[in-house]
């Protein structure tokens, strides 16, 4: 799973492109500096990724129920990004 998490981070433009990240029941939710850096094709080729889309300035990666918690925790540990709430992501997306 660590390899898949690393691939997700790279596909969303790398750690330096992530302003904040959180998750809901099935998805990782990102506020990104530049959504143009997202490699959607690379995301689609990661086994644990079920899809991705952007809405209201948030880039969301669909992982699935149960697994998303583990993926998020691994990503926070791997990247050192702080844990954020859904409101934090919404606020960051609106500012960006």
Protein backbone atom coordinates (compact mmCIF):
# COMPACT_ATOMS: atom_id res chain seq x y z
CA UNK A 1 0.00 0.00 0.00
CA UNK A 2 2.89 2.40 0.72
CA UNK A 3 3.89 2.26 -2.94
CA UNK A 4 0.33 3.10 -4.04
CA UNK A 5 0.20 6.03 -1.61
CA UNK A 6 3.49 7.34 -3.00
CA UNK A 7 2.09 7.04 -6.51
CA UNK A 8 -1.04 8.98 -5.51
CA UNK A 9 1.06 11.78 -4.00
CA UNK A 10 3.17 11.98 -7.17
CA UNK A 11 0.08 11.88 -9.41
CA UNK A 12 -1.49 14.88 -7.64
CA UNK A 13 1.65 16.90 -8.30
CA UNK A 14 3.84 15.85 -5.39
CA UNK A 15 3.92 16.80 -1.73
CA UNK A 16 4.76 20.42 -2.59
CA UNK A 17 1.50 20.75 -4.60
CA UNK A 18 -0.69 19.68 -1.64
CA UNK A 19 -1.97 22.59 0.46
CA UNK A 20 -4.09 20.33 2.69
CA UNK A 21 -5.70 16.90 2.61
CA UNK A 22 -8.47 15.09 4.43
CA UNK A 23 -10.83 12.23 3.66
CA UNK A 24 -14.47 11.27 3.83
CA UNK A 25 -15.94 7.76 3.89
CA UNK A 26 -14.69 6.83 0.40
CA UNK A 27 -12.43 9.60 -0.93
CA UNK A 28 -9.24 11.49 -0.30
CA UNK A 29 -9.94 15.24 -0.57
CA UNK A 30 -7.16 17.64 -1.55
CA UNK A 31 -6.73 21.38 -1.76
CA UNK A 32 -3.98 21.70 -4.37
CA UNK A 33 -1.84 24.66 -5.39
CA UNK A 34 -2.15 23.77 -9.08
CA UNK A 35 -4.66 21.20 -10.35
CA UNK A 36 -2.90 21.40 -13.73
CA UNK A 37 -0.10 19.30 -12.21
CA UNK A 38 -2.45 16.34 -11.63
CA UNK A 39 -1.68 13.31 -13.81
CA UNK A 40 -5.14 11.74 -14.13
CA UNK A 41 -3.85 8.93 -16.33
CA UNK A 42 -1.31 7.95 -13.68
CA UNK A 43 -4.04 8.06 -11.01
CA UNK A 44 -6.29 5.78 -13.06
CA UNK A 45 -3.47 3.23 -13.31
CA UNK A 46 -3.05 2.89 -9.52
CA UNK A 47 -4.81 -0.29 -8.37
CA UNK A 48 -6.45 1.17 -5.27
CA UNK A 49 -7.82 4.26 -7.08
CA UNK A 50 -11.40 3.88 -8.29
CA UNK A 51 -11.64 7.33 -9.89
CA UNK A 52 -10.95 11.03 -9.43
CA UNK A 53 -12.63 14.36 -10.05
CA UNK A 54 -12.53 18.03 -9.12
CA UNK A 55 -15.43 19.87 -7.51
CA UNK A 56 -15.58 23.31 -5.86
CA UNK A 57 -11.79 23.67 -5.91
CA UNK A 58 -11.26 20.30 -4.23
CA UNK A 59 -9.54 17.45 -6.03
CA UNK A 60 -10.98 14.14 -4.86
CA UNK A 61 -9.54 10.66 -5.32
CA UNK A 62 -11.98 7.77 -4.86
CA UNK A 63 -10.42 4.90 -2.88
CA UNK A 64 -13.37 3.10 -1.29
CA UNK A 65 -14.85 2.55 2.13
CA UNK A 66 -12.55 1.03 4.75
CA UNK A 67 -9.32 1.42 2.78
CA UNK A 68 -9.39 5.23 2.54
CA UNK A 69 -8.61 5.61 6.28
CA UNK A 70 -5.45 3.51 5.94
CA UNK A 71 -4.39 5.31 2.75
CA UNK A 72 -4.89 8.73 4.37
CA UNK A 73 -2.94 7.77 7.51
CA UNK A 74 -0.09 6.39 5.39
CA UNK A 75 -0.07 9.55 3.25
CA UNK A 76 0.08 11.83 6.32
CA UNK A 77 2.95 9.77 7.75
CA UNK A 78 4.80 9.65 4.41
CA UNK A 79 4.47 13.33 3.48
CA UNK A 80 4.36 15.04 6.85
CA UNK A 81 1.36 17.11 5.78
CA UNK A 82 -0.90 18.03 8.67
CA UNK A 83 -4.27 16.43 9.17
CA UNK A 84 -7.08 18.67 7.98
CA UNK A 85 -10.84 18.76 8.41
CA UNK A 86 -13.34 18.98 5.56
CA UNK A 87 -13.84 22.64 6.50
CA UNK A 88 -10.05 23.25 6.31
CA UNK A 89 -10.06 21.84 2.77
CA UNK A 90 -13.09 23.89 1.78
CA UNK A 91 -11.48 27.08 3.14
CA UNK A 92 -8.14 26.34 1.43
CA UNK A 93 -9.88 25.57 -1.87
CA UNK A 94 -11.80 28.86 -1.73
CA UNK A 95 -8.60 30.86 -1.12
CA UNK A 96 -6.75 29.17 -3.96
